[in-house]
């Protein structure tokens, strides 16, 4: 588990290192952040996507900040059932 797992809460915004929006936390699923469907990268709002907790650089001010830019993080998000 990541040192940040106890600090991450539902509905926190997930942002890239550049401050760009990546998604919104649905909940933690083991060592992954499950993003809400509204942030589905394919735009259909039908799928949850996951990001590994290892990408988290900080949790502060109600946001989860990742250690890579938002666009890269969105491209790395894994669809439920496809990891």
C-alpha atoms as a PDB file:
ATOM      1  CA  UNK A   1       0.000   0.000   0.000  1.00  0.00           C
ATOM      2  CA  UNK A   2       1.082   3.512  -0.720  1.00  0.00           C
ATOM      3  CA  UNK A   3       1.867   5.978   2.030  1.00  0.00           C
ATOM      4  CA  UNK A   4      -0.937   8.104   0.547  1.00  0.00           C
ATOM      5  CA  UNK A   5      -3.704   5.494   0.612  1.00  0.00           C
ATOM      6  CA  UNK A   6      -5.071   6.601   3.991  1.00  0.00           C
ATOM      7  CA  UNK A   7      -5.290  10.215   2.761  1.00  0.00           C
ATOM      8  CA  UNK A   8      -7.227   9.564  -0.455  1.00  0.00           C
ATOM      9  CA  UNK A   9     -10.991   9.986  -0.187  1.00  0.00           C
ATOM     10  CA  UNK A  10     -13.983   9.642  -2.480  1.00  0.00           C
ATOM     11  CA  UNK A  11     -14.692  12.601  -4.763  1.00  0.00           C
ATOM     12  CA  UNK A  12     -11.153  14.019  -4.568  1.00  0.00           C
ATOM     13  CA  UNK A  13      -9.939  15.433  -7.858  1.00  0.00           C
ATOM     14  CA  UNK A  14      -6.980  13.626  -9.422  1.00  0.00           C
ATOM     15  CA  UNK A  15      -4.596  15.963 -11.248  1.00  0.00           C
ATOM     16  CA  UNK A  16      -1.409  15.469 -13.189  1.00  0.00           C
ATOM     17  CA  UNK A  17       1.951  16.973 -12.299  1.00  0.00           C
ATOM     18  CA  UNK A  18       1.009  19.814 -14.655  1.00  0.00           C
ATOM     19  CA  UNK A  19      -2.226  20.491 -12.738  1.00  0.00           C
ATOM     20  CA  UNK A  20      -4.454  19.132 -15.508  1.00  0.00           C
ATOM     21  CA  UNK A  21      -7.590  17.193 -14.604  1.00  0.00           C
ATOM     22  CA  UNK A  22      -7.242  13.410 -14.821  1.00  0.00           C
ATOM     23  CA  UNK A  23     -10.349  12.258 -13.008  1.00  0.00           C
ATOM     24  CA  UNK A  24     -12.284  12.012  -9.767  1.00  0.00           C
ATOM     25  CA  UNK A  25     -11.741   9.335  -7.129  1.00  0.00           C
ATOM     26  CA  UNK A  26     -14.587   6.824  -6.941  1.00  0.00           C
ATOM     27  CA  UNK A  27     -12.739   4.809  -4.293  1.00  0.00           C
ATOM     28  CA  UNK A  28      -9.560   2.857  -3.656  1.00  0.00           C
ATOM     29  CA  UNK A  29      -9.436  -0.709  -4.914  1.00  0.00           C
ATOM     30  CA  UNK A  30      -6.410  -2.358  -3.345  1.00  0.00           C
ATOM     31  CA  UNK A  31      -3.329  -0.600  -4.679  1.00  0.00           C
ATOM     32  CA  UNK A  32      -5.275   1.310  -7.355  1.00  0.00           C
ATOM     33  CA  UNK A  33      -7.395   4.439  -7.562  1.00  0.00           C
ATOM     34  CA  UNK A  34     -10.732   3.741  -9.213  1.00  0.00           C
ATOM     35  CA  UNK A  35     -11.893   6.799 -11.166  1.00  0.00           C
ATOM     36  CA  UNK A  36     -15.555   7.726 -11.609  1.00  0.00           C
ATOM     37  CA  UNK A  37     -17.249   6.861 -14.899  1.00  0.00           C
ATOM     38  CA  UNK A  38     -17.781  10.525 -15.739  1.00  0.00           C
ATOM     39  CA  UNK A  39     -14.019  10.722 -16.371  1.00  0.00           C
ATOM     40  CA  UNK A  40     -13.978   7.755 -18.759  1.00  0.00           C
ATOM     41  CA  UNK A  41     -11.140   8.598 -21.211  1.00  0.00           C
ATOM     42  CA  UNK A  42     -13.125   7.306 -24.190  1.00  0.00           C
ATOM     43  CA  UNK A  43     -15.908   9.797 -23.430  1.00  0.00           C
ATOM     44  CA  UNK A  44     -18.716   7.237 -23.135  1.00  0.00           C
ATOM     45  CA  UNK A  45     -19.032   7.551 -19.329  1.00  0.00           C
ATOM     46  CA  UNK A  46     -19.598   3.785 -19.223  1.00  0.00           C
ATOM     47  CA  UNK A  47     -16.333   2.488 -17.802  1.00  0.00           C
ATOM     48  CA  UNK A  48     -14.381   2.915 -14.618  1.00  0.00           C
ATOM     49  CA  UNK A  49     -10.645   3.305 -15.088  1.00  0.00           C
ATOM     50  CA  UNK A  50      -7.851   2.655 -12.633  1.00  0.00           C
ATOM     51  CA  UNK A  51      -4.504   4.239 -11.833  1.00  0.00           C
ATOM     52  CA  UNK A  52      -1.862   2.618  -9.627  1.00  0.00           C
ATOM     53  CA  UNK A  53      -1.176   4.297  -6.290  1.00  0.00           C
ATOM     54  CA  UNK A  54       2.504   4.274  -7.263  1.00  0.00           C
ATOM     55  CA  UNK A  55       1.761   7.287  -9.510  1.00  0.00           C
ATOM     56  CA  UNK A  56       0.687   9.474  -6.557  1.00  0.00           C
ATOM     57  CA  UNK A  57       3.195  12.212  -5.715  1.00  0.00           C
ATOM     58  CA  UNK A  58       1.126  14.055  -3.069  1.00  0.00           C
ATOM     59  CA  UNK A  59      -2.295  14.439  -1.499  1.00  0.00           C
ATOM     60  CA  UNK A  60      -3.111  17.999  -0.441  1.00  0.00           C
ATOM     61  CA  UNK A  61      -5.906  20.557  -0.523  1.00  0.00           C
ATOM     62  CA  UNK A  62      -8.489  17.940  -1.507  1.00  0.00           C
ATOM     63  CA  UNK A  63      -6.529  16.792  -4.558  1.00  0.00           C
ATOM     64  CA  UNK A  64      -4.482  13.791  -5.501  1.00  0.00           C
ATOM     65  CA  UNK A  65      -1.450  14.960  -7.491  1.00  0.00           C
ATOM     66  CA  UNK A  66       0.270  12.450  -9.743  1.00  0.00           C
ATOM     67  CA  UNK A  67       3.942  12.296 -10.719  1.00  0.00           C
ATOM     68  CA  UNK A  68       3.270  12.575 -14.460  1.00  0.00           C
ATOM     69  CA  UNK A  69       1.358  14.996 -16.700  1.00  0.00           C
ATOM     70  CA  UNK A  70      -2.431  14.672 -16.946  1.00  0.00           C
ATOM     71  CA  UNK A  71      -2.498  13.553 -20.585  1.00  0.00           C
ATOM     72  CA  UNK A  72       0.031  10.796 -19.922  1.00  0.00           C
ATOM     73  CA  UNK A  73      -1.918   9.672 -16.846  1.00  0.00           C
ATOM     74  CA  UNK A  74      -5.198   9.538 -18.788  1.00  0.00           C
ATOM     75  CA  UNK A  75      -3.471   7.398 -21.421  1.00  0.00           C
ATOM     76  CA  UNK A  76      -2.121   5.055 -18.719  1.00  0.00           C
ATOM     77  CA  UNK A  77      -5.493   4.599 -17.002  1.00  0.00           C
ATOM     78  CA  UNK A  78      -6.595   0.980 -17.324  1.00  0.00           C
ATOM     79  CA  UNK A  79     -10.242   0.123 -17.977  1.00  0.00           C
ATOM     80  CA  UNK A  80     -11.986  -2.173 -15.519  1.00  0.00           C
ATOM     81  CA  UNK A  81     -11.476  -5.759 -16.600  1.00  0.00           C
ATOM     82  CA  UNK A  82      -8.599  -4.867 -18.946  1.00  0.00           C
ATOM     83  CA  UNK A  83      -5.619  -4.856 -16.613  1.00  0.00           C
END
